[in-house]
Protein backbone atom coordinates (compact mmCIF):
# COMPACT_ATOMS: atom_id res chain seq x y z
CA MET A 1 -10.10 -1.07 -32.26
CA ALA A 2 -7.25 -0.30 -29.66
CA GLN A 3 -4.35 2.27 -32.15
CA LEU A 4 -0.75 2.00 -31.87
CA SER A 5 1.46 4.46 -33.28
CA ASP A 6 4.04 2.88 -35.34
CA ASP A 7 6.43 3.66 -32.83
CA CYS A 8 5.79 3.60 -29.42
CA PHE A 9 7.39 0.09 -28.85
CA ALA A 10 10.37 0.77 -31.26
CA PHE A 11 12.89 -0.14 -27.98
CA GLY A 12 16.77 -2.32 -28.59
CA GLY A 13 19.25 -2.20 -27.35
CA PRO A 14 20.37 -4.60 -24.55
CA LEU A 15 17.53 -7.49 -23.21
CA MET A 16 14.57 -5.16 -21.45
CA SER A 17 14.00 -5.81 -18.12
CA VAL A 18 10.45 -7.38 -16.30
CA GLU A 19 9.97 -4.16 -14.90
CA ASP A 20 11.16 -1.69 -18.04
CA ALA A 21 8.54 -3.68 -20.12
CA VAL A 22 5.18 -3.10 -18.11
CA ALA A 23 6.01 0.31 -18.09
CA ILE A 24 6.55 0.60 -21.66
CA ILE A 25 3.24 -0.78 -22.02
CA ALA A 26 1.39 1.17 -19.16
CA ALA A 27 2.27 4.09 -20.26
CA ARG A 28 1.95 3.74 -24.49
CA VAL A 29 -1.19 1.17 -24.74
CA THR A 30 -4.43 2.82 -25.01
CA ALA A 31 -7.31 1.47 -23.43
CA VAL A 32 -10.72 0.85 -25.51
CA GLN A 33 -12.96 3.83 -25.52
CA GLU A 34 -16.27 2.18 -26.32
CA LEU A 35 -18.67 1.95 -22.62
CA GLU A 36 -21.76 -0.41 -22.42
CA THR A 37 -24.30 -0.68 -19.99
CA VAL A 38 -24.81 -4.06 -18.31
CA ASP A 39 -27.28 -5.61 -15.71
CA LEU A 40 -25.55 -5.70 -12.06
CA LYS A 41 -25.51 -9.28 -12.42
CA ASN A 42 -24.17 -10.22 -15.39
CA ALA A 43 -20.85 -7.35 -14.00
CA ASP A 44 -18.52 -9.77 -12.15
CA GLY A 45 -15.18 -9.45 -14.48
CA ARG A 46 -15.72 -5.91 -16.36
CA VAL A 47 -14.02 -2.72 -16.09
CA LEU A 48 -15.58 0.05 -14.52
CA ALA A 49 -16.11 3.15 -17.16
CA ALA A 50 -16.14 5.76 -14.15
CA ALA A 51 -15.83 6.26 -10.71
CA ILE A 52 -18.53 5.66 -8.42
CA ALA A 53 -19.53 7.93 -5.35
CA ALA A 54 -21.37 6.61 -2.53
CA PRO A 55 -25.46 7.98 -3.51
CA GLN A 56 -25.92 7.61 0.05
CA PRO A 57 -24.22 6.63 3.21
CA LEU A 58 -23.80 3.05 4.41
CA PRO A 59 -25.25 2.06 6.04
CA PRO A 60 -28.24 4.86 5.30
CA PHE A 61 -29.52 4.97 8.75
CA THR A 62 -27.77 4.24 12.45
CA ASN A 63 -28.93 0.59 13.55
CA SER A 64 -28.16 -2.31 16.25
CA ALA A 65 -25.43 -4.20 16.06
CA VAL A 66 -26.15 -7.42 17.67
CA ASP A 67 -29.61 -8.67 19.11
CA GLY A 68 -29.67 -6.60 23.17
CA TYR A 69 -31.63 -3.66 24.54
CA ALA A 70 -31.14 -0.25 23.18
CA VAL A 71 -30.46 2.85 26.01
CA ARG A 72 -29.75 6.25 26.36
CA SER A 73 -26.07 6.23 27.45
CA SER A 74 -26.38 8.89 30.14
CA ASP A 75 -29.09 6.69 32.00
CA LEU A 76 -26.73 4.86 32.82
CA SER A 77 -24.88 4.52 36.65
CA GLY A 78 -21.52 3.33 35.10
CA ASP A 79 -20.67 1.44 38.55
CA ARG A 80 -23.56 -0.91 39.20
CA GLU A 81 -26.21 -2.92 37.76
CA GLN A 82 -29.43 -0.87 36.65
CA ALA A 83 -33.38 -2.72 35.91
CA PHE A 84 -34.43 -1.10 33.36
CA THR A 85 -38.90 -0.90 32.58
CA VAL A 86 -38.73 -2.47 28.17
CA GLY A 87 -40.60 0.12 26.65
CA GLY A 88 -40.97 -1.41 23.07
CA ARG A 89 -39.51 -3.73 20.63
CA ILE A 90 -38.01 -3.19 17.05
CA GLN A 91 -37.55 -6.34 14.79
CA ALA A 92 -34.94 -5.53 11.81
CA GLY A 93 -36.84 -3.67 8.74
CA ALA A 94 -39.77 -2.27 10.71
CA ALA A 95 -39.68 1.49 12.21
CA ALA A 96 -39.36 3.15 16.32
CA GLN A 97 -42.38 3.93 17.00
CA ALA A 98 -41.31 6.02 19.72
CA PRO A 99 -38.59 7.87 21.74
CA VAL A 100 -36.83 6.32 24.44
CA LYS A 101 -37.68 7.85 27.50
CA ALA A 102 -35.67 8.45 30.15
CA GLY A 103 -35.18 4.82 32.62
CA GLU A 104 -36.88 2.76 29.88
CA ALA A 105 -34.84 0.09 27.14
CA ILE A 106 -36.48 -0.80 23.88
CA ARG A 107 -35.38 -4.81 23.10
CA ILE A 108 -34.04 -4.55 19.13
CA PHE A 109 -32.27 -6.96 17.37
CA THR A 110 -29.56 -7.19 14.71
CA GLY A 111 -29.91 -4.55 12.15
CA ALA A 112 -33.21 -2.87 13.36
CA PRO A 113 -32.97 0.85 13.44
CA MET A 114 -31.83 2.75 16.46
CA PRO A 115 -35.31 4.23 18.47
CA GLU A 116 -34.33 8.17 18.71
CA GLY A 117 -32.65 9.03 22.12
CA ALA A 118 -30.57 5.74 22.36
CA ASP A 119 -27.32 5.51 21.27
CA THR A 120 -26.11 1.81 23.15
CA VAL A 121 -26.85 -1.66 22.87
CA PHE A 122 -26.55 -3.68 25.15
CA MET A 123 -26.17 -7.68 23.85
CA GLN A 124 -28.92 -9.68 25.08
CA GLU A 125 -26.42 -12.49 26.77
CA ASP A 126 -25.32 -9.95 29.27
CA VAL A 127 -28.55 -9.36 30.48
CA ARG A 128 -30.98 -10.64 32.52
CA LEU A 129 -34.84 -9.99 33.44
CA ASP A 130 -35.86 -9.74 36.82
CA GLU A 131 -38.66 -11.33 38.49
CA ALA A 132 -40.95 -7.65 37.97
CA GLY A 133 -40.01 -8.03 33.67
CA ARG A 134 -37.33 -5.37 33.57
CA VAL A 135 -34.17 -5.61 31.81
CA VAL A 136 -31.14 -5.86 34.28
CA LEU A 137 -28.30 -4.10 32.58
CA PRO A 138 -24.78 -4.83 34.02
CA PRO A 139 -22.18 -1.98 34.71
CA GLY A 140 -19.41 -0.88 32.59
CA LEU A 141 -20.60 -0.65 29.14
CA LYS A 142 -19.30 2.36 27.32
CA ALA A 143 -21.44 4.72 25.53
CA GLY A 144 -22.02 4.22 21.73
CA ALA A 145 -21.86 0.19 22.52
CA ASN A 146 -22.57 -1.67 19.99
CA VAL A 147 -24.22 1.25 17.80
CA ARG A 148 -23.26 1.08 13.80
CA PRO A 149 -23.62 4.60 12.34
CA ALA A 150 -25.11 5.79 10.17
CA GLY A 151 -22.56 6.39 6.84
CA GLU A 152 -20.29 4.56 9.14
CA ASP A 153 -18.91 2.20 6.14
CA ILE A 154 -18.69 4.50 3.83
CA ALA A 155 -20.53 8.35 4.04
CA ALA A 156 -22.58 9.77 1.51
CA GLY A 157 -20.78 11.36 -1.85
CA ALA A 158 -17.21 9.39 -0.69
CA LEU A 159 -15.65 7.60 -3.89
CA ALA A 160 -15.96 4.20 -3.64
CA LEU A 161 -15.63 2.59 -6.33
CA GLN A 162 -12.56 3.54 -8.94
CA ALA A 163 -13.07 3.60 -12.72
CA GLY A 164 -11.20 0.90 -14.00
CA GLN A 165 -12.19 -1.48 -11.00
CA ARG A 166 -11.85 -4.63 -12.56
CA LEU A 167 -15.39 -5.76 -11.00
CA ARG A 168 -15.65 -8.61 -8.42
CA PRO A 169 -18.08 -9.99 -6.42
CA GLN A 170 -17.40 -7.55 -3.24
CA HIS A 171 -17.18 -4.40 -5.67
CA ILE A 172 -21.07 -5.76 -6.86
CA ALA A 173 -22.00 -6.01 -3.53
CA LEU A 174 -21.16 -2.26 -2.80
CA ALA A 175 -22.84 -1.43 -5.74
CA ALA A 176 -25.98 -3.85 -4.86
CA ALA A 177 -26.34 -2.05 -1.53
CA PHE A 178 -26.47 1.02 -3.62
CA GLY A 179 -29.49 0.59 -4.45
CA LEU A 180 -27.53 0.09 -8.13
CA THR A 181 -28.99 -2.27 -11.11
CA GLN A 182 -27.24 -1.59 -13.65
CA ILE A 183 -23.38 -0.13 -14.09
CA GLU A 184 -21.10 1.38 -16.78
CA VAL A 185 -18.41 -0.51 -18.52
CA ARG A 186 -15.57 -0.16 -20.72
CA ARG A 187 -16.78 -3.24 -23.65
CA ARG A 188 -14.16 -6.31 -23.69
CA ILE A 189 -11.32 -6.38 -25.93
CA ARG A 190 -10.97 -8.81 -28.08
CA VAL A 191 -7.88 -11.17 -28.36
CA GLY A 192 -7.49 -13.04 -31.47
CA VAL A 193 -5.13 -15.83 -30.64
CA CYS A 194 -2.85 -18.58 -32.60
CA SER A 195 -0.17 -20.79 -32.77
CA THR A 196 2.22 -21.06 -35.42
CA GLY A 197 4.56 -24.44 -36.93
CA ASN A 198 4.01 -27.42 -38.67
CA GLU A 199 4.77 -29.30 -36.13
CA VAL A 200 1.55 -28.74 -34.33
CA VAL A 201 -1.86 -30.28 -34.99
CA SER A 202 -5.14 -29.05 -33.12
CA PRO A 203 -6.17 -31.90 -30.82
CA GLY A 204 -9.51 -33.55 -32.85
CA ARG A 205 -7.36 -33.71 -36.19
CA PRO A 206 -4.58 -36.56 -37.24
CA ARG A 207 -1.77 -36.30 -35.91
CA ALA A 208 1.60 -37.43 -38.08
CA ALA A 209 4.81 -39.36 -36.55
CA ALA A 210 6.64 -35.92 -35.97
CA GLN A 211 3.34 -33.36 -34.54
CA LEU A 212 2.38 -32.53 -31.57
CA PHE A 213 -1.44 -31.61 -30.13
CA ASP A 214 -1.22 -27.99 -29.96
CA SER A 215 -1.65 -27.06 -26.69
CA ASN A 216 -0.47 -23.04 -25.98
CA ARG A 217 -3.66 -21.62 -27.66
CA PHE A 218 -5.88 -23.38 -25.62
CA MET A 219 -3.76 -21.98 -22.80
CA LEU A 220 -3.38 -19.47 -24.11
CA MET A 221 -7.39 -18.40 -24.68
CA ALA A 222 -8.61 -19.83 -21.43
CA MET A 223 -6.01 -17.44 -19.49
CA LEU A 224 -7.25 -14.91 -21.36
CA ARG A 225 -10.98 -15.47 -20.79
CA ARG A 226 -9.88 -15.27 -17.52
CA LEU A 227 -8.88 -11.30 -17.66
CA GLY A 228 -12.53 -11.24 -19.17
CA CYS A 229 -11.63 -10.96 -22.68
CA GLU A 230 -13.64 -11.98 -25.71
CA VAL A 231 -11.41 -14.26 -27.35
CA GLY A 232 -11.39 -15.25 -31.23
CA ASP A 233 -9.60 -18.18 -32.57
CA LEU A 234 -7.17 -18.26 -35.36
CA GLY A 235 -5.99 -21.84 -35.43
CA ILE A 236 -2.87 -22.67 -36.17
CA LEU A 237 -0.69 -21.21 -38.75
CA ALA A 238 1.86 -22.72 -41.07
CA ASP A 239 5.30 -22.12 -41.46
CA ASP A 240 4.78 -19.87 -44.52
CA ARG A 241 5.85 -16.40 -44.35
CA ALA A 242 3.50 -14.96 -46.79
CA ALA A 243 0.78 -17.12 -45.69
CA LEU A 244 1.32 -15.76 -42.01
CA ALA A 245 1.76 -12.43 -42.97
CA SER A 246 -1.43 -12.36 -44.79
CA ALA A 247 -3.55 -13.76 -42.29
CA LEU A 248 -1.82 -11.73 -39.37
CA LYS A 249 -2.91 -8.25 -41.00
CA ASN A 250 -6.61 -10.04 -41.44
CA GLY A 251 -7.12 -10.79 -37.80
CA ALA A 252 -5.35 -7.76 -36.81
CA GLY A 253 -8.83 -5.90 -38.39
CA GLY A 254 -11.11 -7.66 -36.22
CA HIS A 255 -8.80 -7.23 -32.86
CA ASP A 256 -7.08 -5.20 -30.41
CA LEU A 257 -4.65 -7.44 -29.73
CA ILE A 258 -3.24 -10.18 -31.54
CA LEU A 259 -1.10 -12.95 -29.68
CA THR A 260 0.76 -15.58 -31.49
CA SER A 261 2.62 -18.83 -30.25
CA GLY A 262 5.74 -20.15 -31.72
CA GLY A 263 8.03 -18.79 -34.35
CA VAL A 264 9.98 -15.74 -32.71
CA SER A 265 13.20 -16.96 -31.79
CA THR A 266 15.92 -16.74 -34.29
CA GLY A 267 16.17 -20.46 -36.41
CA GLU A 268 15.06 -20.31 -40.36
CA GLU A 269 11.92 -21.57 -39.52
CA ASP A 270 10.87 -19.15 -37.30
CA HIS A 271 9.04 -16.60 -39.65
CA VAL A 272 6.85 -14.15 -37.19
CA LYS A 273 9.16 -11.63 -37.33
CA ALA A 274 9.43 -11.50 -41.07
CA ALA A 275 6.05 -11.71 -41.71
CA VAL A 276 5.21 -9.18 -39.57
CA GLU A 277 7.93 -6.65 -41.04
CA SER A 278 6.33 -7.37 -44.24
CA VAL A 279 3.01 -5.51 -43.34
CA GLY A 280 3.28 -3.99 -40.10
CA ARG A 281 6.70 -2.97 -38.10
CA LEU A 282 8.54 -5.58 -35.28
CA VAL A 283 11.01 -5.15 -32.82
CA LEU A 284 11.97 -8.22 -31.48
CA TRP A 285 11.80 -7.99 -27.54
CA ARG A 286 14.14 -9.59 -25.89
CA MET A 287 13.59 -10.15 -22.26
CA ALA A 288 15.73 -10.19 -19.20
CA ILE A 289 13.86 -13.75 -17.70
CA LYS A 290 13.60 -16.81 -18.48
CA PRO A 291 12.02 -19.05 -19.19
CA GLY A 292 10.74 -16.92 -21.89
CA ARG A 293 13.17 -14.44 -23.36
CA PRO A 294 12.54 -14.14 -26.99
CA VAL A 295 9.26 -12.38 -26.72
CA ALA A 296 7.96 -10.15 -29.90
CA MET A 297 6.01 -7.26 -30.24
CA GLY A 298 4.44 -5.27 -33.24
CA ILE A 299 1.86 -3.16 -34.43
CA ILE A 300 0.16 -4.26 -37.21
CA ASP A 301 -2.35 -1.53 -38.75
CA GLY A 302 -2.21 -0.11 -35.54
CA THR A 303 -3.39 -2.71 -33.70
CA PRO A 304 -0.31 -4.53 -31.18
CA LEU A 305 0.66 -8.49 -31.58
CA ILE A 306 2.84 -10.07 -28.98
CA GLY A 307 4.42 -13.06 -29.74
CA LEU A 308 4.85 -14.92 -27.43
CA PRO A 309 7.48 -18.38 -27.34
CA GLY A 310 6.37 -21.45 -28.25
CA ASN A 311 7.34 -24.04 -25.26
CA PRO A 312 4.54 -24.39 -23.22
CA VAL A 313 5.97 -22.94 -19.72
CA ALA A 314 8.04 -20.16 -21.06
CA SER A 315 4.71 -19.13 -23.29
CA PHE A 316 2.92 -18.99 -19.75
CA VAL A 317 5.93 -16.99 -17.86
CA THR A 318 5.62 -14.84 -20.26
CA PHE A 319 1.63 -14.27 -20.44
CA VAL A 320 1.69 -13.63 -17.04
CA HIS A 321 4.80 -11.07 -16.83
CA VAL A 322 4.00 -9.51 -20.24
CA VAL A 323 0.58 -10.11 -22.00
CA ARG A 324 -1.60 -9.29 -18.67
CA PRO A 325 -0.05 -6.09 -18.64
CA THR A 326 -0.85 -5.70 -21.19
CA VAL A 327 -4.60 -6.89 -21.50
CA LEU A 328 -5.56 -5.08 -18.89
CA ALA A 329 -3.48 -1.67 -20.41
CA LEU A 330 -5.70 -2.06 -23.27
CA ALA A 331 -9.14 -2.81 -21.28
CA GLY A 332 -9.16 0.34 -19.22
CA ALA A 333 -8.32 -1.45 -15.77
CA LEU A 334 -6.20 -0.64 -12.76
CA GLN A 335 -2.99 -2.66 -13.35
CA GLU A 336 -3.22 -5.74 -10.54
CA THR A 337 0.65 -7.07 -9.68
CA PRO A 338 0.18 -9.81 -7.77
CA ALA A 339 2.63 -9.52 -4.47
CA PRO A 340 4.46 -12.67 -3.94
CA LEU A 341 4.84 -14.32 -0.77
CA PRO A 342 7.62 -14.85 1.44
CA VAL A 343 7.98 -18.64 1.82
CA ARG A 344 10.97 -20.97 3.10
CA ALA A 345 13.30 -22.36 0.29
CA ALA A 346 13.51 -26.05 0.57
CA PHE A 347 15.96 -26.25 -2.73
CA ALA A 348 18.71 -25.15 -3.60
CA TYR A 349 19.77 -23.38 -6.98
CA ARG A 350 21.95 -21.39 -9.08
CA LYS A 351 21.30 -18.72 -11.66
CA LYS A 352 23.09 -15.88 -13.77
CA THR A 353 23.12 -12.11 -12.44
CA GLY A 354 21.06 -9.89 -14.43
CA ARG A 355 17.83 -11.79 -15.29
CA ARG A 356 14.68 -12.93 -14.08
CA GLU A 357 13.98 -16.26 -13.29
CA TYR A 358 11.16 -18.11 -12.26
CA VAL A 359 11.21 -21.62 -10.75
CA ARG A 360 8.27 -23.80 -10.08
CA VAL A 361 7.67 -25.06 -7.53
CA SER A 362 4.94 -26.66 -4.84
CA LEU A 363 3.81 -25.34 -1.55
CA ARG A 364 4.34 -27.54 1.91
CA LYS A 365 4.38 -27.27 5.71
CA ALA A 366 7.45 -27.54 7.50
CA ALA A 367 7.02 -29.24 10.81
CA ASP A 368 7.70 -26.06 12.33
CA GLY A 369 4.20 -24.65 10.52
CA ALA A 370 6.16 -22.61 8.75
CA LEU A 371 5.50 -22.72 4.13
CA GLU A 372 8.03 -23.82 2.71
CA ALA A 373 8.47 -24.62 -1.35
CA GLU A 374 9.80 -27.62 -2.86
CA LYS A 375 11.56 -27.16 -6.43
CA PHE A 376 9.65 -29.28 -9.31
CA PRO A 377 12.32 -32.11 -9.50
CA ARG A 378 13.01 -31.56 -13.79
CA GLU A 379 14.13 -28.82 -15.32
CA GLY A 380 12.61 -27.81 -18.94
CA ALA A 381 10.48 -25.39 -20.07
CA GLY A 382 8.61 -27.81 -23.03
CA LEU A 383 6.93 -29.81 -19.37
CA LEU A 384 3.20 -29.28 -19.05
CA SER A 385 3.37 -31.55 -15.93
CA SER A 386 5.67 -28.81 -14.26
CA LEU A 387 2.45 -26.58 -14.13
CA VAL A 388 0.22 -28.80 -13.79
CA GLU A 389 1.99 -30.64 -10.28
CA THR A 390 2.73 -26.89 -8.68
CA ASP A 391 1.20 -24.20 -6.95
CA GLY A 392 2.83 -21.29 -8.41
CA LEU A 393 6.44 -19.88 -9.18
CA VAL A 394 9.11 -18.75 -6.65
CA GLU A 395 10.62 -15.58 -8.47
CA LEU A 396 13.51 -15.02 -7.90
CA GLY A 397 15.35 -11.48 -9.07
CA GLU A 398 18.33 -10.04 -11.26
CA ASP A 399 20.50 -9.73 -8.72
CA ILE A 400 20.37 -13.52 -7.31
CA THR A 401 22.98 -15.27 -8.51
CA GLN A 402 21.77 -18.47 -5.43
CA VAL A 403 19.65 -19.82 -3.51
CA GLU A 404 20.04 -21.77 -0.86
CA PRO A 405 17.93 -24.04 1.19
CA GLY A 406 16.70 -21.94 4.55
CA ALA A 407 16.13 -18.89 2.24
CA ARG A 408 13.43 -16.49 2.08
CA VAL A 409 11.91 -16.10 -1.57
CA GLY A 410 9.00 -14.97 -2.90
CA PHE A 411 6.16 -17.52 -4.15
CA LEU A 412 3.08 -15.87 -7.20
CA GLY A 413 0.83 -18.80 -6.36
CA TYR A 414 -0.70 -19.70 -9.95
CA ALA A 415 -4.48 -18.56 -8.98
CA SER A 416 -3.62 -14.45 -8.63
CA LEU A 417 -1.35 -14.66 -12.04
CA MET A 418 -4.69 -15.68 -13.49
CA SER A 419 -7.17 -13.25 -12.24
């Protein structure tokens, strides 16, 4: 299990900024140490355990970038057409049989190795054949044109993939290009997820008139799986302090992180804080963020616990900004902070200074071709439709107090926040 000391999150005082929260996580969470070797075809989404240096240059040999004719640049006049005898033919995957001779051109195809002595390729659409079967080459082509030198992409021994890289299809393609069939990765982190409260019931169960079907747990489990986690479903924990404490302690023993939803505010029936304090240590982490200020950070037997708000939009936003960087740190992955896309606001908005706010918006293309962000028409951190019917969030920093139509704002698409 990934372990934390009991005082590593002991921070109180005023509301904490998003940046400070992420910095504390990155500095104090220890990554899982267990490693696994996986086949390359199963490596997508895994975290690379150690850096990979290029075992060979890419490309491994000098080759033609086009279909055409390979020649020696020293044979070219530079200011007039020239006719060359076609001295051979090299297909991709075949080796050159002999060096190119003076005044000779070799018919060559994309990816085929350059014959010894040749350093320039004329594209087939730029040449013509005369009545004698010679290839007529136009003037003006620079030496080295249309040739891919060995190591042009990556030199042998150069850093190709960094330790901590979350492997995506392009990284797997690079490893395959080196001839690798297996790759060493960190094991997946194990996250236990539960919802709390007597007011929620699992889908498929009978629902009382005053109850809601639990949506947060399923949203959070889906988001965790997108981050490559092994997810344990701890179900719904009732509003009973002793039972809640026992369930969280049991869950901590088999997971690297416990994630709860609901019960982290200061109401009489919000029992997560007291339950965790009875079996571990908890510091209520009040973040300067809207939606989602009540976020709890705790430790039970060395296992971190994050308690998210019960409202689904607040739970979503705080997952993105607190849970996601925690998961990456536990997994030993490089931190990936999505960069906001500058767009034009098509709405007016006012906010308090000193806190970061995230506004749910849809993107549209204006008449002048610019991208505009249109605010969801209703407020409320409990509106699941506001996540379904929008494209992402506009991020408004702590110093911003109002937005007017036409202002430039930063847009974060949901795809970038959940990958």
